[in-house]
Amino acid sequence: PNVLPSQSQETGEPQTQAPTPAQTPAATPTPTVEPFTIDDFLGYDQQYISFTQSSPEQVLEETYLEYNDSDTSTGKKRLQRRSINSEGGSVVEVLVADDTSLQRTYQTSAGYTLNMLDRKENPKVLRQMPITVGQSWDIPSGKSVITSTSMTLDVPLGYVDTIEVTSTLDNGEKHLTYFSKGLGLIAEYHYDQSGALLFSRKATATEQTKAFMQKIRFFY
């Protein structure tokens, strides 16, 4: 049978039904972006990183984790690293991180392996919270500023996501340093007043099980 549209009782005209409104699609939730922390770029558990240096000769540098500790009540973390280059140089540095900043609290040329976590001399702020573009702080003879939090860097280790810190010294030199989440320092470049490269340092390899071995000879 034919089905006729219903008619209006007042006009006799066929009634048309109002279209059903389309449902508004649910908004896609914005992903939550977790803020960076100082710990992200400390490299607290990273046992070994090797670098190539150019200043201007090519030099191999190996960096080992010697000591680390943490205070659960304050959130403070400390670590001590030793860097040894192929020319025989050896440098030990102590890094201390808390909720506000990462500082190098001690640095020295040392032969023997000693725990120096409690030593403090001429501390220097390496990064300061919050880790956002534009965050700046004073350093000896200059100023540092975070200039990127999403820089992909091509180094011998591979393509690494980093944050970039630009330090401008009072004498006009500029230092660029790059830190990777979970690893710490990955690369740095120093330029003179004219923009010529003075020094570079780039990560080549990392290992989690390689420890520093030291031979000491005693004479009686």
N, C-alpha and C. Protein backbone atom coordinates (compact mmCIF):
# COMPACT_ATOMS: atom_id res chain seq x y z
N PRO A 1 0.84 -1.21 0.00
CA PRO A 1 0.00 0.00 0.00
C PRO A 1 0.86 1.24 0.00
N ASN A 2 0.30 2.31 -0.65
CA ASN A 2 1.01 3.57 -0.64
C ASN A 2 0.85 4.23 0.71
N VAL A 3 1.94 4.82 1.22
CA VAL A 3 1.91 5.53 2.51
C VAL A 3 1.98 7.00 2.21
N LEU A 4 0.93 7.74 2.58
CA LEU A 4 0.88 9.17 2.33
C LEU A 4 1.44 9.92 3.52
N PRO A 5 2.10 11.05 3.26
CA PRO A 5 2.59 11.85 4.39
C PRO A 5 1.41 12.41 5.16
N SER A 6 1.59 12.56 6.46
CA SER A 6 0.51 13.12 7.28
C SER A 6 0.29 14.56 6.90
N GLN A 7 -0.99 15.04 7.03
CA GLN A 7 -1.34 16.41 6.66
C GLN A 7 -1.67 17.22 7.90
N SER A 8 -1.41 18.51 7.78
CA SER A 8 -1.76 19.44 8.85
C SER A 8 -3.26 19.59 8.88
N GLN A 9 -3.84 19.52 10.07
CA GLN A 9 -5.26 19.68 10.22
C GLN A 9 -5.70 21.11 9.89
N GLU A 10 -4.83 22.12 10.01
CA GLU A 10 -5.19 23.52 9.78
C GLU A 10 -5.10 23.88 8.31
N THR A 11 -4.05 23.46 7.61
CA THR A 11 -3.82 23.90 6.23
C THR A 11 -4.05 22.80 5.22
N GLY A 12 -4.05 21.57 5.65
CA GLY A 12 -4.17 20.47 4.72
C GLY A 12 -2.90 20.18 3.97
N GLU A 13 -1.82 20.95 4.25
CA GLU A 13 -0.56 20.74 3.58
C GLU A 13 0.16 19.55 4.21
N PRO A 14 0.92 18.83 3.43
CA PRO A 14 1.68 17.72 4.01
C PRO A 14 2.66 18.23 5.07
N GLN A 15 2.72 17.50 6.16
CA GLN A 15 3.65 17.87 7.23
C GLN A 15 5.03 17.26 6.95
N THR A 16 6.04 18.06 7.17
CA THR A 16 7.42 17.55 7.05
C THR A 16 8.04 17.54 8.44
N GLN A 17 8.68 16.48 8.78
CA GLN A 17 9.31 16.39 10.08
C GLN A 17 10.65 17.12 10.09
N ALA A 18 10.89 17.83 11.18
CA ALA A 18 12.16 18.55 11.32
C ALA A 18 13.29 17.54 11.38
N PRO A 19 14.39 17.84 10.67
CA PRO A 19 15.52 16.91 10.68
C PRO A 19 16.11 16.76 12.07
N THR A 20 16.55 15.56 12.36
CA THR A 20 17.18 15.32 13.65
C THR A 20 18.56 15.96 13.66
N PRO A 21 18.83 16.87 14.63
CA PRO A 21 20.14 17.54 14.64
C PRO A 21 21.26 16.53 14.86
N ALA A 22 22.36 16.77 14.14
CA ALA A 22 23.52 15.88 14.27
C ALA A 22 24.16 16.06 15.64
N GLN A 23 24.63 15.01 16.21
CA GLN A 23 25.28 15.08 17.52
C GLN A 23 26.66 15.73 17.39
N THR A 24 26.95 16.61 18.32
CA THR A 24 28.26 17.26 18.35
C THR A 24 29.30 16.24 18.75
N PRO A 25 30.33 16.05 17.92
CA PRO A 25 31.35 15.06 18.28
C PRO A 25 32.07 15.45 19.57
N ALA A 26 32.41 14.44 20.33
CA ALA A 26 33.12 14.69 21.59
C ALA A 26 34.50 15.25 21.30
N ALA A 27 34.88 16.22 22.09
CA ALA A 27 36.19 16.84 21.89
C ALA A 27 37.30 15.84 22.21
N THR A 28 38.34 15.85 21.39
CA THR A 28 39.49 14.98 21.62
C THR A 28 40.30 15.56 22.76
N PRO A 29 40.52 14.79 23.81
CA PRO A 29 41.26 15.35 24.95
C PRO A 29 42.68 15.72 24.56
N THR A 30 43.15 16.85 25.07
CA THR A 30 44.52 17.29 24.81
C THR A 30 45.48 16.43 25.63
N PRO A 31 46.50 15.86 24.99
CA PRO A 31 47.44 15.04 25.77
C PRO A 31 48.08 15.84 26.88
N THR A 32 48.23 15.21 28.02
CA THR A 32 48.87 15.87 29.14
C THR A 32 50.38 15.84 28.95
N VAL A 33 50.99 17.01 28.94
CA VAL A 33 52.43 17.11 28.77
C VAL A 33 53.07 17.20 30.16
N GLU A 34 53.83 16.19 30.50
CA GLU A 34 54.48 16.19 31.80
C GLU A 34 55.64 17.18 31.79
N PRO A 35 55.73 18.04 32.79
CA PRO A 35 56.84 19.00 32.83
C PRO A 35 58.16 18.29 33.07
N PHE A 36 59.22 18.87 32.53
CA PHE A 36 60.54 18.32 32.76
C PHE A 36 60.93 18.51 34.23
N THR A 37 61.78 17.62 34.72
CA THR A 37 62.37 17.79 36.04
C THR A 37 63.89 17.82 35.89
N ILE A 38 64.57 18.28 36.92
CA ILE A 38 66.03 18.29 36.90
C ILE A 38 66.56 16.87 36.74
N ASP A 39 65.90 15.91 37.40
CA ASP A 39 66.34 14.51 37.33
C ASP A 39 66.38 13.98 35.90
N ASP A 40 65.48 14.48 35.05
CA ASP A 40 65.41 13.99 33.68
C ASP A 40 66.75 14.10 32.96
N PHE A 41 67.50 15.13 33.27
CA PHE A 41 68.72 15.42 32.51
C PHE A 41 69.98 15.30 33.37
N LEU A 42 69.85 14.61 34.50
CA LEU A 42 70.99 14.44 35.40
C LEU A 42 71.88 13.29 34.97
N GLY A 43 71.29 12.21 34.42
CA GLY A 43 72.07 11.02 34.10
C GLY A 43 72.54 10.32 35.37
N TYR A 44 71.62 10.24 36.36
CA TYR A 44 71.97 9.76 37.70
C TYR A 44 72.52 8.34 37.69
N ASP A 45 71.96 7.47 36.85
CA ASP A 45 72.37 6.06 36.82
C ASP A 45 73.22 5.70 35.61
N GLN A 46 73.56 6.69 34.80
CA GLN A 46 74.34 6.40 33.59
C GLN A 46 75.78 6.08 33.95
N GLN A 47 76.21 4.83 33.71
CA GLN A 47 77.51 4.38 34.16
C GLN A 47 78.67 4.90 33.32
N TYR A 48 78.45 5.03 32.00
CA TYR A 48 79.58 5.33 31.12
C TYR A 48 79.11 6.06 29.87
N ILE A 49 79.80 7.13 29.50
CA ILE A 49 79.58 7.83 28.25
C ILE A 49 80.95 8.18 27.67
N SER A 50 81.12 7.95 26.37
CA SER A 50 82.36 8.37 25.72
C SER A 50 82.07 9.54 24.79
N PHE A 51 83.07 10.39 24.62
CA PHE A 51 82.95 11.59 23.80
C PHE A 51 84.16 11.71 22.88
N THR A 52 83.98 12.46 21.80
CA THR A 52 85.11 12.95 21.03
C THR A 52 85.20 14.45 21.27
N GLN A 53 86.42 14.92 21.47
CA GLN A 53 86.67 16.35 21.67
C GLN A 53 87.47 16.87 20.50
N SER A 54 87.28 18.14 20.20
CA SER A 54 88.08 18.81 19.18
C SER A 54 88.48 20.17 19.72
N SER A 55 89.80 20.36 19.96
CA SER A 55 90.20 21.62 20.58
C SER A 55 91.65 22.05 20.28
N PRO A 56 92.13 22.14 19.04
CA PRO A 56 91.48 21.69 17.81
C PRO A 56 91.77 20.23 17.47
N GLU A 57 92.72 19.60 18.19
CA GLU A 57 93.05 18.20 17.91
C GLU A 57 91.93 17.29 18.38
N GLN A 58 91.79 16.14 17.71
CA GLN A 58 90.76 15.18 18.08
C GLN A 58 91.23 14.38 19.30
N VAL A 59 90.40 14.36 20.33
CA VAL A 59 90.74 13.68 21.58
C VAL A 59 89.56 12.81 22.00
N LEU A 60 89.85 11.60 22.49
CA LEU A 60 88.81 10.72 23.02
C LEU A 60 88.69 10.95 24.51
N GLU A 61 87.46 11.07 24.99
CA GLU A 61 87.21 11.24 26.43
C GLU A 61 86.22 10.17 26.90
N GLU A 62 86.50 9.57 28.05
CA GLU A 62 85.61 8.60 28.66
C GLU A 62 85.17 9.09 30.03
N THR A 63 83.86 9.03 30.29
CA THR A 63 83.30 9.53 31.54
C THR A 63 82.64 8.38 32.29
N TYR A 64 83.04 8.21 33.56
CA TYR A 64 82.55 7.12 34.38
C TYR A 64 81.82 7.66 35.61
N LEU A 65 80.76 6.98 36.01
CA LEU A 65 80.10 7.29 37.27
C LEU A 65 80.86 6.61 38.40
N GLU A 66 81.30 7.39 39.40
CA GLU A 66 82.06 6.83 40.52
C GLU A 66 81.19 6.64 41.77
N TYR A 67 80.43 7.66 42.14
CA TYR A 67 79.58 7.59 43.33
C TYR A 67 78.27 8.33 43.04
N ASN A 68 77.21 7.88 43.69
CA ASN A 68 75.97 8.65 43.71
C ASN A 68 75.18 8.31 44.96
N ASP A 69 74.37 9.25 45.42
CA ASP A 69 73.48 9.00 46.54
C ASP A 69 72.28 9.93 46.43
N SER A 70 71.24 9.65 47.22
CA SER A 70 70.04 10.47 47.19
C SER A 70 69.45 10.55 48.59
N ASP A 71 68.76 11.65 48.86
CA ASP A 71 68.08 11.88 50.13
C ASP A 71 66.59 11.89 49.85
N THR A 72 65.88 10.83 50.26
CA THR A 72 64.46 10.72 49.95
C THR A 72 63.63 11.77 50.66
N SER A 73 64.11 12.30 51.77
CA SER A 73 63.33 13.30 52.50
C SER A 73 63.35 14.67 51.82
N THR A 74 64.43 14.98 51.12
CA THR A 74 64.55 16.28 50.46
C THR A 74 64.47 16.18 48.95
N GLY A 75 64.66 14.97 48.39
CA GLY A 75 64.67 14.81 46.94
C GLY A 75 66.00 15.16 46.31
N LYS A 76 66.99 15.49 47.12
CA LYS A 76 68.30 15.87 46.58
C LYS A 76 69.06 14.64 46.11
N LYS A 77 69.70 14.76 44.95
CA LYS A 77 70.54 13.69 44.41
C LYS A 77 71.93 14.23 44.12
N ARG A 78 72.93 13.40 44.39
CA ARG A 78 74.31 13.78 44.15
C ARG A 78 75.01 12.67 43.36
N LEU A 79 75.91 13.08 42.48
CA LEU A 79 76.72 12.08 41.78
C LEU A 79 78.11 12.64 41.52
N GLN A 80 79.04 11.72 41.40
CA GLN A 80 80.43 12.08 41.12
C GLN A 80 80.87 11.33 39.87
N ARG A 81 81.39 12.08 38.90
CA ARG A 81 81.86 11.50 37.66
C ARG A 81 83.33 11.81 37.44
N ARG A 82 84.00 10.87 36.79
CA ARG A 82 85.41 11.06 36.41
C ARG A 82 85.50 11.03 34.89
N SER A 83 86.19 12.02 34.31
CA SER A 83 86.43 12.06 32.87
C SER A 83 87.92 11.90 32.62
N ILE A 84 88.26 10.98 31.72
CA ILE A 84 89.66 10.71 31.37
C ILE A 84 89.80 10.82 29.87
N ASN A 85 90.76 11.62 29.41
CA ASN A 85 90.93 11.75 27.96
C ASN A 85 92.18 11.02 27.50
N SER A 86 92.29 10.85 26.19
CA SER A 86 93.37 10.06 25.61
C SER A 86 94.73 10.73 25.73
N GLU A 87 94.77 11.97 26.19
CA GLU A 87 96.04 12.65 26.42
C GLU A 87 96.52 12.50 27.85
N GLY A 88 95.75 11.77 28.67
CA GLY A 88 96.17 11.51 30.04
C GLY A 88 95.53 12.41 31.08
N GLY A 89 94.71 13.35 30.66
CA GLY A 89 94.06 14.25 31.61
C GLY A 89 92.92 13.55 32.35
N SER A 90 92.71 13.92 33.61
CA SER A 90 91.64 13.34 34.42
C SER A 90 90.98 14.43 35.25
N VAL A 91 89.66 14.51 35.16
CA VAL A 91 88.90 15.53 35.89
C VAL A 91 87.74 14.84 36.61
N VAL A 92 87.55 15.21 37.87
CA VAL A 92 86.43 14.70 38.66
C VAL A 92 85.49 15.87 38.96
N GLU A 93 84.18 15.65 38.77
CA GLU A 93 83.21 16.68 39.10
C GLU A 93 82.08 16.08 39.92
N VAL A 94 81.53 16.91 40.81
CA VAL A 94 80.39 16.52 41.64
C VAL A 94 79.18 17.34 41.22
N LEU A 95 78.08 16.67 40.92
CA LEU A 95 76.83 17.32 40.53
C LEU A 95 75.79 17.09 41.61
N VAL A 96 75.05 18.15 41.96
CA VAL A 96 74.00 18.06 42.97
C VAL A 96 72.72 18.62 42.39
N ALA A 97 71.65 17.82 42.45
CA ALA A 97 70.35 18.22 41.91
C ALA A 97 69.31 18.23 43.01
N ASP A 98 68.45 19.26 43.00
CA ASP A 98 67.30 19.28 43.89
C ASP A 98 66.10 19.79 43.09
N ASP A 99 65.05 20.24 43.76
CA ASP A 99 63.84 20.65 43.05
C ASP A 99 64.00 21.98 42.31
N THR A 100 65.08 22.71 42.57
CA THR A 100 65.22 24.04 41.98
C THR A 100 66.30 24.12 40.92
N SER A 101 67.36 23.33 41.04
CA SER A 101 68.46 23.49 40.09
C SER A 101 69.38 22.28 40.10
N LEU A 102 70.26 22.25 39.10
CA LEU A 102 71.38 21.31 39.05
C LEU A 102 72.65 22.14 39.11
N GLN A 103 73.53 21.82 40.06
CA GLN A 103 74.77 22.56 40.21
C GLN A 103 75.97 21.63 40.16
N ARG A 104 77.04 22.15 39.60
CA ARG A 104 78.34 21.49 39.75
C ARG A 104 78.98 22.12 40.97
N THR A 105 79.07 21.35 42.05
CA THR A 105 79.52 21.90 43.32
C THR A 105 81.02 21.73 43.55
N TYR A 106 81.65 20.85 42.77
CA TYR A 106 83.08 20.64 42.96
C TYR A 106 83.68 20.10 41.68
N GLN A 107 84.90 20.53 41.37
CA GLN A 107 85.62 20.04 40.19
C GLN A 107 87.11 20.09 40.47
N THR A 108 87.81 19.02 40.14
CA THR A 108 89.24 18.98 40.41
C THR A 108 89.92 17.97 39.50
N SER A 109 91.22 18.13 39.34
CA SER A 109 92.04 17.11 38.68
C SER A 109 92.53 16.17 39.77
N ALA A 110 92.17 14.90 39.67
CA ALA A 110 92.51 13.96 40.73
C ALA A 110 92.93 12.63 40.13
N GLY A 111 93.93 12.01 40.75
CA GLY A 111 94.40 10.73 40.28
C GLY A 111 93.68 9.57 40.96
N TYR A 112 93.59 9.63 42.27
CA TYR A 112 92.98 8.54 43.01
C TYR A 112 91.46 8.67 43.04
N THR A 113 90.80 7.52 43.21
CA THR A 113 89.34 7.51 43.33
C THR A 113 88.97 7.72 44.78
N LEU A 114 88.44 8.88 45.09
CA LEU A 114 88.00 9.23 46.43
C LEU A 114 86.57 9.73 46.36
N ASN A 115 85.81 9.51 47.43
CA ASN A 115 84.45 10.03 47.50
C ASN A 115 84.51 11.52 47.85
N MET A 116 84.10 12.37 46.89
CA MET A 116 84.16 13.81 47.08
C MET A 116 82.77 14.45 47.09
N LEU A 117 81.73 13.65 47.33
CA LEU A 117 80.36 14.16 47.26
C LEU A 117 80.11 15.30 48.23
N ASP A 118 80.83 15.32 49.35
CA ASP A 118 80.59 16.36 50.37
C ASP A 118 81.42 17.62 50.13
N ARG A 119 82.28 17.61 49.15
CA ARG A 119 83.13 18.78 48.92
C ARG A 119 82.37 19.83 48.11
N LYS A 120 82.69 21.08 48.39
CA LYS A 120 82.01 22.18 47.71
C LYS A 120 82.98 23.34 47.52
N GLU A 121 83.11 23.78 46.27
CA GLU A 121 84.01 24.89 45.96
C GLU A 121 83.60 25.51 44.63
N ASN A 122 83.35 26.80 44.63
CA ASN A 122 82.96 27.54 43.42
C ASN A 122 81.80 26.87 42.67
N PRO A 123 80.65 26.69 43.33
CA PRO A 123 79.53 26.02 42.64
C PRO A 123 79.05 26.82 41.44
N LYS A 124 78.59 26.09 40.42
CA LYS A 124 78.08 26.71 39.19
C LYS A 124 76.74 26.07 38.83
N VAL A 125 75.72 26.90 38.58
CA VAL A 125 74.41 26.39 38.17
C VAL A 125 74.48 25.97 36.72
N LEU A 126 74.12 24.71 36.45
CA LEU A 126 74.12 24.20 35.08
C LEU A 126 72.73 24.27 34.46
N ARG A 127 71.70 24.03 35.26
CA ARG A 127 70.31 24.15 34.80
C ARG A 127 69.46 24.58 35.97
N GLN A 128 68.43 25.34 35.67
CA GLN A 128 67.57 25.86 36.73
C GLN A 128 66.11 25.66 36.35
N MET A 129 65.30 25.29 37.34
CA MET A 129 63.88 25.09 37.10
C MET A 129 63.16 26.43 36.98
N PRO A 130 62.02 26.46 36.26
CA PRO A 130 61.49 25.37 35.45
C PRO A 130 62.25 25.25 34.14
N ILE A 131 62.26 24.04 33.58
CA ILE A 131 62.96 23.82 32.31
C ILE A 131 62.01 24.20 31.18
N THR A 132 62.02 25.48 30.86
CA THR A 132 61.19 26.03 29.81
C THR A 132 62.03 27.03 29.01
N VAL A 133 61.67 27.23 27.76
CA VAL A 133 62.40 28.19 26.92
C VAL A 133 62.31 29.58 27.54
N GLY A 134 63.45 30.23 27.66
CA GLY A 134 63.51 31.57 28.24
C GLY A 134 63.98 31.60 29.67
N GLN A 135 63.97 30.46 30.35
CA GLN A 135 64.47 30.43 31.73
C GLN A 135 65.95 30.75 31.72
N SER A 136 66.38 31.68 32.59
CA SER A 136 67.77 32.13 32.58
C SER A 136 68.31 32.22 34.00
N TRP A 137 69.63 32.25 34.11
CA TRP A 137 70.28 32.36 35.40
C TRP A 137 71.70 32.87 35.19
N ASP A 138 72.26 33.44 36.24
CA ASP A 138 73.62 33.98 36.19
C ASP A 138 74.64 32.86 36.39
N ILE A 139 75.75 32.97 35.69
CA ILE A 139 76.89 32.07 35.86
C ILE A 139 78.13 32.95 36.03
N PRO A 140 79.24 32.39 36.51
CA PRO A 140 80.46 33.20 36.62
C PRO A 140 80.82 33.85 35.28
N SER A 141 80.91 35.15 35.26
CA SER A 141 81.31 35.92 34.07
C SER A 141 80.35 35.77 32.91
N GLY A 142 79.04 35.63 33.19
CA GLY A 142 78.10 35.55 32.10
C GLY A 142 76.69 35.18 32.52
N LYS A 143 75.92 34.71 31.55
CA LYS A 143 74.52 34.38 31.78
C LYS A 143 74.14 33.20 30.90
N SER A 144 73.29 32.30 31.43
CA SER A 144 72.80 31.14 30.68
C SER A 144 71.30 31.25 30.51
N VAL A 145 70.80 30.72 29.39
CA VAL A 145 69.36 30.72 29.12
C VAL A 145 69.00 29.44 28.36
N ILE A 146 67.85 28.86 28.68
CA ILE A 146 67.36 27.70 27.93
C ILE A 146 66.76 28.21 26.63
N THR A 147 67.34 27.78 25.51
CA THR A 147 66.91 28.29 24.20
C THR A 147 66.08 27.28 23.41
N SER A 148 66.02 26.03 23.86
CA SER A 148 65.15 25.05 23.22
C SER A 148 64.92 23.89 24.18
N THR A 149 63.71 23.33 24.15
CA THR A 149 63.42 22.11 24.92
C THR A 149 63.05 20.95 24.00
N SER A 150 63.26 21.13 22.70
CA SER A 150 62.90 20.08 21.73
C SER A 150 63.86 20.06 20.55
N MET A 151 65.14 20.07 20.86
CA MET A 151 66.17 20.08 19.82
C MET A 151 66.65 18.66 19.55
N THR A 152 66.51 18.20 18.29
CA THR A 152 67.05 16.90 17.90
C THR A 152 68.45 17.11 17.37
N LEU A 153 69.41 16.50 18.04
CA LEU A 153 70.82 16.74 17.73
C LEU A 153 71.43 15.51 17.06
N ASP A 154 72.22 15.74 16.02
CA ASP A 154 72.91 14.67 15.31
C ASP A 154 74.33 14.60 15.82
N VAL A 155 74.64 13.57 16.61
CA VAL A 155 75.98 13.37 17.16
C VAL A 155 76.41 11.94 16.81
N PRO A 156 77.69 11.59 17.00
CA PRO A 156 78.11 10.21 16.68
C PRO A 156 77.28 9.13 17.38
N LEU A 157 76.72 9.43 18.54
CA LEU A 157 75.86 8.48 19.25
C LEU A 157 74.58 8.19 18.47
N GLY A 158 74.13 9.16 17.66
CA GLY A 158 72.89 9.04 16.89
C GLY A 158 72.10 10.32 16.97
N TYR A 159 70.84 10.26 16.55
CA TYR A 159 69.95 11.41 16.67
C TYR A 159 69.35 11.39 18.07
N VAL A 160 69.56 12.47 18.82
CA VAL A 160 69.17 12.49 20.23
C VAL A 160 68.30 13.72 20.49
N ASP A 161 67.18 13.53 21.19
CA ASP A 161 66.33 14.65 21.61
C ASP A 161 66.95 15.31 22.83
N THR A 162 67.11 16.62 22.76
CA THR A 162 67.83 17.34 23.81
C THR A 162 67.14 18.65 24.16
N ILE A 163 67.60 19.23 25.26
CA ILE A 163 67.34 20.64 25.54
C ILE A 163 68.64 21.39 25.27
N GLU A 164 68.50 22.64 24.85
CA GLU A 164 69.67 23.46 24.51
C GLU A 164 69.80 24.61 25.50
N VAL A 165 71.00 24.76 26.04
CA VAL A 165 71.31 25.88 26.93
C VAL A 165 72.38 26.74 26.26
N THR A 166 72.10 28.02 26.12
CA THR A 166 73.05 28.95 25.52
C THR A 166 73.63 29.85 26.61
N SER A 167 74.94 29.84 26.73
CA SER A 167 75.63 30.67 27.72
C SER A 167 76.44 31.73 26.99
N THR A 168 76.22 32.98 27.36
CA THR A 168 76.96 34.09 26.77
C THR A 168 77.86 34.68 27.85
N LEU A 169 79.16 34.72 27.58
CA LEU A 169 80.12 35.21 28.55
C LEU A 169 80.35 36.71 28.37
N ASP A 170 80.85 37.33 29.42
CA ASP A 170 81.09 38.77 29.37
C ASP A 170 82.12 39.15 28.31
N ASN A 171 83.01 38.23 27.96
CA ASN A 171 84.03 38.53 26.94
C ASN A 171 83.54 38.31 25.52
N GLY A 172 82.24 37.95 25.37
CA GLY A 172 81.66 37.78 24.05
C GLY A 172 81.63 36.35 23.54
N GLU A 173 82.27 35.42 24.25
CA GLU A 173 82.21 34.03 23.83
C GLU A 173 80.81 33.46 24.06
N LYS A 174 80.45 32.43 23.27
CA LYS A 174 79.15 31.78 23.41
C LYS A 174 79.36 30.28 23.51
N HIS A 175 78.70 29.67 24.50
CA HIS A 175 78.78 28.23 24.71
C HIS A 175 77.39 27.63 24.55
N LEU A 176 77.27 26.59 23.73
CA LEU A 176 76.02 25.86 23.56
C LEU A 176 76.19 24.47 24.16
N THR A 177 75.31 24.10 25.09
CA THR A 177 75.37 22.77 25.70
C THR A 177 74.03 22.08 25.52
N TYR A 178 74.08 20.76 25.36
CA TYR A 178 72.89 19.96 25.06
C TYR A 178 72.78 18.79 26.03
N PHE A 179 71.59 18.63 26.61
CA PHE A 179 71.35 17.60 27.61
C PHE A 179 70.20 16.72 27.16
N SER A 180 70.41 15.40 27.29
CA SER A 180 69.40 14.43 26.86
C SER A 180 68.76 13.78 28.07
N LYS A 181 67.47 13.51 27.95
CA LYS A 181 66.72 12.90 29.05
C LYS A 181 67.29 11.51 29.35
N GLY A 182 67.64 11.30 30.61
CA GLY A 182 68.17 10.01 31.04
C GLY A 182 69.67 9.86 30.90
N LEU A 183 70.31 10.69 30.07
CA LEU A 183 71.75 10.57 29.83
C LEU A 183 72.55 11.72 30.41
N GLY A 184 71.98 12.91 30.41
CA GLY A 184 72.73 14.07 30.86
C GLY A 184 73.37 14.78 29.68
N LEU A 185 74.59 15.28 29.88
CA LEU A 185 75.29 16.03 28.84
C LEU A 185 75.57 15.14 27.63
N ILE A 186 75.21 15.65 26.44
CA ILE A 186 75.41 14.92 25.19
C ILE A 186 76.40 15.64 24.27
N ALA A 187 76.39 16.97 24.29
CA ALA A 187 77.30 17.71 23.41
C ALA A 187 77.45 19.13 23.92
N GLU A 188 78.57 19.75 23.54
CA GLU A 188 78.77 21.17 23.81
C GLU A 188 79.69 21.75 22.75
N TYR A 189 79.47 23.04 22.48
CA TYR A 189 80.25 23.76 21.47
C TYR A 189 80.58 25.14 22.04
N HIS A 190 81.84 25.53 21.92
CA HIS A 190 82.29 26.84 22.38
C HIS A 190 82.73 27.66 21.18
N TYR A 191 82.26 28.90 21.11
CA TYR A 191 82.57 29.80 19.99
C TYR A 191 83.19 31.09 20.53
N ASP A 192 84.12 31.65 19.76
CA ASP A 192 84.71 32.92 20.18
C ASP A 192 83.83 34.08 19.75
N GLN A 193 84.32 35.31 19.95
CA GLN A 193 83.54 36.51 19.68
C GLN A 193 83.13 36.64 18.22
N SER A 194 83.91 36.05 17.32
CA SER A 194 83.60 36.14 15.90
C SER A 194 82.72 35.00 15.41
N GLY A 195 82.43 34.03 16.29
CA GLY A 195 81.62 32.88 15.89
C GLY A 195 82.42 31.67 15.46
N ALA A 196 83.76 31.77 15.54
CA ALA A 196 84.61 30.63 15.17
C ALA A 196 84.59 29.58 16.29
N LEU A 197 84.56 28.31 15.91
CA LEU A 197 84.50 27.23 16.88
C LEU A 197 85.84 27.07 17.59
N LEU A 198 85.79 27.11 18.92
CA LEU A 198 86.98 26.93 19.74
C LEU A 198 87.11 25.50 20.24
N PHE A 199 85.97 24.87 20.55
CA PHE A 199 85.98 23.57 21.22
C PHE A 199 84.66 22.88 20.98
N SER A 200 84.70 21.58 20.77
CA SER A 200 83.47 20.80 20.66
C SER A 200 83.64 19.49 21.40
N ARG A 201 82.52 18.95 21.84
CA ARG A 201 82.50 17.70 22.60
C ARG A 201 81.19 16.99 22.28
N LYS A 202 81.27 15.76 21.73
CA LYS A 202 80.07 15.07 21.26
C LYS A 202 80.08 13.61 21.73
N ALA A 203 78.94 13.13 22.22
CA ALA A 203 78.84 11.77 22.72
C ALA A 203 78.94 10.77 21.59
N THR A 204 79.67 9.67 21.84
CA THR A 204 79.85 8.64 20.82
C THR A 204 79.24 7.30 21.24
N ALA A 205 79.18 7.01 22.54
CA ALA A 205 78.65 5.71 22.98
C ALA A 205 78.26 5.79 24.45
N THR A 206 77.33 4.92 24.87
CA THR A 206 76.94 4.79 26.27
C THR A 206 76.89 3.32 26.65
N GLU A 207 77.15 3.04 27.92
CA GLU A 207 77.05 1.68 28.45
C GLU A 207 76.56 1.75 29.89
N GLN A 208 75.79 0.74 30.28
CA GLN A 208 75.25 0.71 31.63
C GLN A 208 76.05 -0.17 32.57
N THR A 209 76.98 -0.95 32.06
CA THR A 209 77.69 -1.90 32.91
C THR A 209 79.20 -1.67 32.94
N LYS A 210 79.67 -0.64 32.28
CA LYS A 210 81.11 -0.41 32.21
C LYS A 210 81.54 0.49 33.36
N ALA A 211 82.39 -0.03 34.22
CA ALA A 211 82.84 0.72 35.40
C ALA A 211 84.29 1.14 35.24
N PHE A 212 84.68 2.16 36.00
CA PHE A 212 86.04 2.67 35.96
C PHE A 212 86.96 1.72 36.71
N MET A 213 88.04 1.32 36.07
CA MET A 213 89.04 0.46 36.69
C MET A 213 90.34 1.24 36.82
N GLN A 214 90.95 1.15 37.99
CA GLN A 214 92.17 1.92 38.24
C GLN A 214 93.24 1.02 38.84
N LYS A 215 94.43 1.08 38.26
CA LYS A 215 95.56 0.33 38.80
C LYS A 215 96.46 1.29 39.57
N ILE A 216 96.82 0.89 40.78
CA ILE A 216 97.69 1.71 41.63
C ILE A 216 98.88 0.87 42.05
N ARG A 217 100.07 1.37 41.83
CA ARG A 217 101.28 0.66 42.21
C ARG A 217 101.84 1.27 43.50
N PHE A 218 102.16 0.42 44.44
CA PHE A 218 102.74 0.85 45.70
C PHE A 218 104.20 0.38 45.80
N PHE A 219 105.03 1.22 46.33
CA PHE A 219 106.46 0.87 46.51
C PHE A 219 106.80 0.95 47.98
N TYR A 220 107.52 -0.03 48.46
CA TYR A 220 107.88 -0.09 49.87
C TYR A 220 109.38 -0.01 50.01
